[in-house]
PDB file of all heavy atoms in Angstrom:
ATOM      1  N   GLU A   1     -16.446  10.899   5.360  1.00  0.00           N
ATOM      2  CA  GLU A   1     -15.466  10.030   6.013  1.00  0.00           C
ATOM      3  C   GLU A   1     -14.520   9.405   4.995  1.00  0.00           C
ATOM      4  O   GLU A   1     -14.946   8.939   3.939  1.00  0.00           O
ATOM      5  CB  GLU A   1     -16.190   8.944   6.802  1.00  0.00           C
ATOM      6  CG  GLU A   1     -15.253   8.042   7.592  1.00  0.00           C
ATOM      7  CD  GLU A   1     -15.996   7.036   8.448  1.00  0.00           C
ATOM      8  OE1 GLU A   1     -16.894   7.457   9.209  1.00  0.00           O
ATOM      9  OE2 GLU A   1     -15.695   5.831   8.328  1.00  0.00           O
ATOM     10  N   THR A   2     -13.245   9.401   5.319  1.00  0.00           N
ATOM     11  CA  THR A   2     -12.250   8.743   4.490  1.00  0.00           C
ATOM     12  C   THR A   2     -11.490   7.717   5.324  1.00  0.00           C
ATOM     13  O   THR A   2     -11.085   8.015   6.450  1.00  0.00           O
ATOM     14  CB  THR A   2     -11.264   9.755   3.860  1.00  0.00           C
ATOM     15  OG1 THR A   2     -10.188   9.030   3.241  1.00  0.00           O
ATOM     16  CG2 THR A   2     -10.695  10.712   4.901  1.00  0.00           C
ATOM     17  N   PRO A   3     -11.288   6.521   4.776  1.00  0.00           N
ATOM     18  CA  PRO A   3     -10.568   5.487   5.516  1.00  0.00           C
ATOM     19  C   PRO A   3      -9.052   5.586   5.355  1.00  0.00           C
ATOM     20  O   PRO A   3      -8.319   4.803   5.950  1.00  0.00           O
ATOM     21  CB  PRO A   3     -11.087   4.195   4.880  1.00  0.00           C
ATOM     22  CG  PRO A   3     -11.334   4.586   3.445  1.00  0.00           C
ATOM     23  CD  PRO A   3     -11.820   6.015   3.493  1.00  0.00           C
ATOM     24  N   ASP A   4      -8.591   6.538   4.540  1.00  0.00           N
ATOM     25  CA  ASP A   4      -7.157   6.607   4.235  1.00  0.00           C
ATOM     26  C   ASP A   4      -6.336   6.965   5.465  1.00  0.00           C
ATOM     27  O   ASP A   4      -6.808   7.652   6.379  1.00  0.00           O
ATOM     28  CB  ASP A   4      -6.889   7.624   3.131  1.00  0.00           C
ATOM     29  CG  ASP A   4      -7.327   7.104   1.767  1.00  0.00           C
ATOM     30  OD1 ASP A   4      -7.184   5.896   1.533  1.00  0.00           O
ATOM     31  OD2 ASP A   4      -7.801   7.907   0.949  1.00  0.00           O
ATOM     32  N   LYS A   5      -5.107   6.523   5.453  1.00  0.00           N
ATOM     33  CA  LYS A   5      -4.175   6.807   6.545  1.00  0.00           C
ATOM     34  C   LYS A   5      -3.344   8.032   6.180  1.00  0.00           C
ATOM     35  O   LYS A   5      -2.693   8.065   5.144  1.00  0.00           O
ATOM     36  CB  LYS A   5      -3.260   5.602   6.806  1.00  0.00           C
ATOM     37  CG  LYS A   5      -2.264   5.819   7.947  1.00  0.00           C
ATOM     38  CD  LYS A   5      -1.485   4.557   8.235  1.00  0.00           C
ATOM     39  CE  LYS A   5      -0.385   4.794   9.262  1.00  0.00           C
ATOM     40  NZ  LYS A   5      -0.849   5.347  10.529  1.00  0.00           N
ATOM     41  N   TRP A   6      -3.400   9.037   7.051  1.00  0.00           N
ATOM     42  CA  TRP A   6      -2.581  10.235   6.880  1.00  0.00           C
ATOM     43  C   TRP A   6      -1.128   9.918   7.193  1.00  0.00           C
ATOM     44  O   TRP A   6      -0.824   9.068   8.022  1.00  0.00           O
ATOM     45  CB  TRP A   6      -3.065  11.315   7.849  1.00  0.00           C
ATOM     46  CG  TRP A   6      -2.079  12.438   8.046  1.00  0.00           C
ATOM     47  CD1 TRP A   6      -1.996  13.602   7.348  1.00  0.00           C
ATOM     48  CD2 TRP A   6      -1.016  12.498   9.012  1.00  0.00           C
ATOM     49  NE1 TRP A   6      -0.963  14.372   7.805  1.00  0.00           N
ATOM     50  CE2 TRP A   6      -0.339  13.718   8.825  1.00  0.00           C
ATOM     51  CE3 TRP A   6      -0.574  11.631  10.013  1.00  0.00           C
ATOM     52  CZ2 TRP A   6       0.746  14.112   9.609  1.00  0.00           C
ATOM     53  CZ3 TRP A   6       0.521  12.000  10.781  1.00  0.00           C
ATOM     54  CH2 TRP A   6       1.166  13.224  10.577  1.00  0.00           C
ATOM     55  N   PHE A   7      -0.237  10.618   6.501  1.00  0.00           N
ATOM     56  CA  PHE A   7       1.133  10.693   6.997  1.00  0.00           C
ATOM     57  C   PHE A   7       1.746  12.009   6.570  1.00  0.00           C
ATOM     58  O   PHE A   7       1.292  12.671   5.642  1.00  0.00           O
ATOM     59  CB  PHE A   7       1.999   9.490   6.576  1.00  0.00           C
ATOM     60  CG  PHE A   7       1.978   9.138   5.109  1.00  0.00           C
ATOM     61  CD1 PHE A   7       2.720   9.860   4.190  1.00  0.00           C
ATOM     62  CD2 PHE A   7       1.242   8.057   4.666  1.00  0.00           C
ATOM     63  CE1 PHE A   7       2.726   9.507   2.849  1.00  0.00           C
ATOM     64  CE2 PHE A   7       1.243   7.703   3.313  1.00  0.00           C
ATOM     65  CZ  PHE A   7       1.992   8.434   2.408  1.00  0.00           C
ATOM     66  N   GLY A   8       2.759  12.415   7.302  1.00  0.00           N
ATOM     67  CA  GLY A   8       3.425  13.680   7.026  1.00  0.00           C
ATOM     68  C   GLY A   8       4.708  13.757   7.826  1.00  0.00           C
ATOM     69  O   GLY A   8       4.967  12.929   8.703  1.00  0.00           O
ATOM     70  N   VAL A   9       5.502  14.779   7.514  1.00  0.00           N
ATOM     71  CA  VAL A   9       6.782  14.938   8.203  1.00  0.00           C
ATOM     72  C   VAL A   9       6.606  15.980   9.304  1.00  0.00           C
ATOM     73  O   VAL A   9       7.084  17.109   9.220  1.00  0.00           O
ATOM     74  CB  VAL A   9       7.908  15.329   7.219  1.00  0.00           C
ATOM     75  CG1 VAL A   9       9.268  15.290   7.925  1.00  0.00           C
ATOM     76  CG2 VAL A   9       7.929  14.385   6.023  1.00  0.00           C
ATOM     77  N   THR A  10       5.859  15.602  10.342  1.00  0.00           N
ATOM     78  CA  THR A  10       5.701  16.476  11.501  1.00  0.00           C
ATOM     79  C   THR A  10       7.028  16.574  12.254  1.00  0.00           C
ATOM     80  O   THR A  10       7.413  17.635  12.739  1.00  0.00           O
ATOM     81  CB  THR A  10       4.600  15.937  12.430  1.00  0.00           C
ATOM     82  OG1 THR A  10       3.387  15.798  11.685  1.00  0.00           O
ATOM     83  CG2 THR A  10       4.377  16.881  13.603  1.00  0.00           C
ATOM     84  N   TYR A  11       7.701  15.440  12.352  1.00  0.00           N
ATOM     85  CA  TYR A  11       9.002  15.371  13.018  1.00  0.00           C
ATOM     86  C   TYR A  11      10.031  14.827  12.028  1.00  0.00           C
ATOM     87  O   TYR A  11       9.685  14.080  11.102  1.00  0.00           O
ATOM     88  CB  TYR A  11       8.930  14.454  14.250  1.00  0.00           C
ATOM     89  CG  TYR A  11       7.954  14.942  15.292  1.00  0.00           C
ATOM     90  CD1 TYR A  11       6.638  14.484  15.302  1.00  0.00           C
ATOM     91  CD2 TYR A  11       8.333  15.887  16.234  1.00  0.00           C
ATOM     92  CE1 TYR A  11       5.722  14.943  16.229  1.00  0.00           C
ATOM     93  CE2 TYR A  11       7.433  16.353  17.173  1.00  0.00           C
ATOM     94  CZ  TYR A  11       6.129  15.876  17.168  1.00  0.00           C
ATOM     95  OH  TYR A  11       5.235  16.353  18.092  1.00  0.00           O
ATOM     96  N   LYS A  12      11.279  15.189  12.244  1.00  0.00           N
ATOM     97  CA  LYS A  12      12.345  14.743  11.351  1.00  0.00           C
ATOM     98  C   LYS A  12      12.349  13.225  11.228  1.00  0.00           C
ATOM     99  O   LYS A  12      12.585  12.659  10.152  1.00  0.00           O
ATOM    100  CB  LYS A  12      13.698  15.244  11.870  1.00  0.00           C
ATOM    101  CG  LYS A  12      14.873  14.948  10.956  1.00  0.00           C
ATOM    102  CD  LYS A  12      16.163  15.536  11.519  1.00  0.00           C
ATOM    103  CE  LYS A  12      17.342  15.247  10.600  1.00  0.00           C
ATOM    104  NZ  LYS A  12      18.611  15.806  11.155  1.00  0.00           N
ATOM    105  N   GLU A  13      12.035  12.557  12.338  1.00  0.00           N
ATOM    106  CA  GLU A  13      12.056  11.104  12.357  1.00  0.00           C
ATOM    107  C   GLU A  13      10.928  10.478  11.518  1.00  0.00           C
ATOM    108  O   GLU A  13      10.943   9.277  11.235  1.00  0.00           O
ATOM    109  CB  GLU A  13      11.953  10.588  13.798  1.00  0.00           C
ATOM    110  CG  GLU A  13      13.127  10.960  14.688  1.00  0.00           C
ATOM    111  CD  GLU A  13      13.032  12.380  15.250  1.00  0.00           C
ATOM    112  OE1 GLU A  13      12.014  13.069  14.984  1.00  0.00           O
ATOM    113  OE2 GLU A  13      13.961  12.799  15.957  1.00  0.00           O
ATOM    114  N   ASP A  14       9.925  11.293  11.144  1.00  0.00           N
ATOM    115  CA  ASP A  14       8.803  10.777  10.362  1.00  0.00           C
ATOM    116  C   ASP A  14       9.176  10.507   8.909  1.00  0.00           C
ATOM    117  O   ASP A  14       8.475   9.763   8.213  1.00  0.00           O
ATOM    118  CB  ASP A  14       7.639  11.782  10.364  1.00  0.00           C
ATOM    119  CG  ASP A  14       6.958  11.914  11.710  1.00  0.00           C
ATOM    120  OD1 ASP A  14       6.987  10.947  12.477  1.00  0.00           O
ATOM    121  OD2 ASP A  14       6.395  12.989  11.971  1.00  0.00           O
ATOM    122  N   LYS A  15      10.246  11.118   8.428  1.00  0.00           N
ATOM    123  CA  LYS A  15      10.523  11.081   6.989  1.00  0.00           C
ATOM    124  C   LYS A  15      10.636   9.662   6.454  1.00  0.00           C
ATOM    125  O   LYS A  15      10.057   9.331   5.407  1.00  0.00           O
ATOM    126  CB  LYS A  15      11.789  11.870   6.652  1.00  0.00           C
ATOM    127  CG  LYS A  15      12.081  11.842   5.149  1.00  0.00           C
ATOM    128  CD  LYS A  15      13.356  12.571   4.775  1.00  0.00           C
ATOM    129  CE  LYS A  15      13.650  12.392   3.286  1.00  0.00           C
ATOM    130  NZ  LYS A  15      14.881  13.076   2.859  1.00  0.00           N
ATOM    131  N   GLN A  16      11.369   8.785   7.131  1.00  0.00           N
ATOM    132  CA  GLN A  16      11.571   7.441   6.606  1.00  0.00           C
ATOM    133  C   GLN A  16      10.255   6.685   6.509  1.00  0.00           C
ATOM    134  O   GLN A  16      10.035   5.922   5.557  1.00  0.00           O
ATOM    135  CB  GLN A  16      12.570   6.663   7.467  1.00  0.00           C
ATOM    136  CG  GLN A  16      13.021   5.344   6.836  1.00  0.00           C
ATOM    137  CD  GLN A  16      13.624   5.529   5.461  1.00  0.00           C
ATOM    138  OE1 GLN A  16      14.510   6.367   5.256  1.00  0.00           O
ATOM    139  NE2 GLN A  16      13.139   4.751   4.492  1.00  0.00           N
ATOM    140  N   ALA A  17       9.371   6.896   7.478  1.00  0.00           N
ATOM    141  CA  ALA A  17       8.064   6.231   7.428  1.00  0.00           C
ATOM    142  C   ALA A  17       7.267   6.705   6.211  1.00  0.00           C
ATOM    143  O   ALA A  17       6.550   5.916   5.578  1.00  0.00           O
ATOM    144  CB  ALA A  17       7.289   6.506   8.713  1.00  0.00           C
ATOM    145  N   VAL A  18       7.373   8.000   5.875  1.00  0.00           N
ATOM    146  CA  VAL A  18       6.694   8.532   4.699  1.00  0.00           C
ATOM    147  C   VAL A  18       7.270   7.905   3.430  1.00  0.00           C
ATOM    148  O   VAL A  18       6.536   7.472   2.533  1.00  0.00           O
ATOM    149  CB  VAL A  18       6.806  10.068   4.644  1.00  0.00           C
ATOM    150  CG1 VAL A  18       6.242  10.615   3.336  1.00  0.00           C
ATOM    151  CG2 VAL A  18       6.080  10.695   5.832  1.00  0.00           C
ATOM    152  N   VAL A  19       8.584   7.863   3.345  1.00  0.00           N
ATOM    153  CA  VAL A  19       9.254   7.257   2.185  1.00  0.00           C
ATOM    154  C   VAL A  19       8.802   5.806   2.019  1.00  0.00           C
ATOM    155  O   VAL A  19       8.454   5.363   0.912  1.00  0.00           O
ATOM    156  CB  VAL A  19      10.790   7.327   2.340  1.00  0.00           C
ATOM    157  CG1 VAL A  19      11.483   6.502   1.255  1.00  0.00           C
ATOM    158  CG2 VAL A  19      11.266   8.780   2.290  1.00  0.00           C
ATOM    159  N   ASP A  20       8.790   5.055   3.113  1.00  0.00           N
ATOM    160  CA  ASP A  20       8.396   3.646   3.061  1.00  0.00           C
ATOM    161  C   ASP A  20       6.923   3.494   2.674  1.00  0.00           C
ATOM    162  O   ASP A  20       6.561   2.583   1.908  1.00  0.00           O
ATOM    163  CB  ASP A  20       8.651   2.971   4.408  1.00  0.00           C
ATOM    164  CG  ASP A  20      10.140   2.876   4.748  1.00  0.00           C
ATOM    165  OD1 ASP A  20      10.972   3.008   3.831  1.00  0.00           O
ATOM    166  OD2 ASP A  20      10.458   2.689   5.945  1.00  0.00           O
ATOM    167  N   SER A  21       6.066   4.364   3.189  1.00  0.00           N
ATOM    168  CA  SER A  21       4.631   4.293   2.883  1.00  0.00           C
ATOM    169  C   SER A  21       4.375   4.554   1.411  1.00  0.00           C
ATOM    170  O   SER A  21       3.581   3.849   0.763  1.00  0.00           O
ATOM    171  CB  SER A  21       3.854   5.295   3.737  1.00  0.00           C
ATOM    172  OG  SER A  21       3.939   4.985   5.108  1.00  0.00           O
ATOM    173  N   LEU A  22       5.044   5.552   0.859  1.00  0.00           N
ATOM    174  CA  LEU A  22       4.865   5.853  -0.562  1.00  0.00           C
ATOM    175  C   LEU A  22       5.419   4.736  -1.440  1.00  0.00           C
ATOM    176  O   LEU A  22       4.829   4.375  -2.464  1.00  0.00           O
ATOM    177  CB  LEU A  22       5.528   7.189  -0.902  1.00  0.00           C
ATOM    178  CG  LEU A  22       4.776   8.418  -0.409  1.00  0.00           C
ATOM    179  CD1 LEU A  22       5.630   9.678  -0.551  1.00  0.00           C
ATOM    180  CD2 LEU A  22       3.463   8.595  -1.185  1.00  0.00           C
ATOM    181  N   LYS A  23       6.543   4.175  -1.028  1.00  0.00           N
ATOM    182  CA  LYS A  23       7.124   3.056  -1.783  1.00  0.00           C
ATOM    183  C   LYS A  23       6.135   1.885  -1.842  1.00  0.00           C
ATOM    184  O   LYS A  23       5.961   1.245  -2.893  1.00  0.00           O
ATOM    185  CB  LYS A  23       8.433   2.621  -1.124  1.00  0.00           C
ATOM    186  CG  LYS A  23       9.245   1.619  -1.944  1.00  0.00           C
ATOM    187  CD  LYS A  23      10.539   1.248  -1.222  1.00  0.00           C
ATOM    188  CE  LYS A  23      11.470   2.438  -1.097  1.00  0.00           C
ATOM    189  NZ  LYS A  23      12.778   2.060  -0.477  1.00  0.00           N
ATOM    190  N   ALA A  24       5.460   1.640  -0.709  1.00  0.00           N
ATOM    191  CA  ALA A  24       4.474   0.554  -0.668  1.00  0.00           C
ATOM    192  C   ALA A  24       3.275   0.869  -1.553  1.00  0.00           C
ATOM    193  O   ALA A  24       2.764  -0.016  -2.264  1.00  0.00           O
ATOM    194  CB  ALA A  24       4.022   0.320   0.775  1.00  0.00           C
TER     195      ALA A  24
END
């Protein structure tokens, strides 16, 4: 089990959330 939160660019609109998550 891993508690980490996945993210990816499944949809074009996901990109900004990925950028923001990595910045954090």
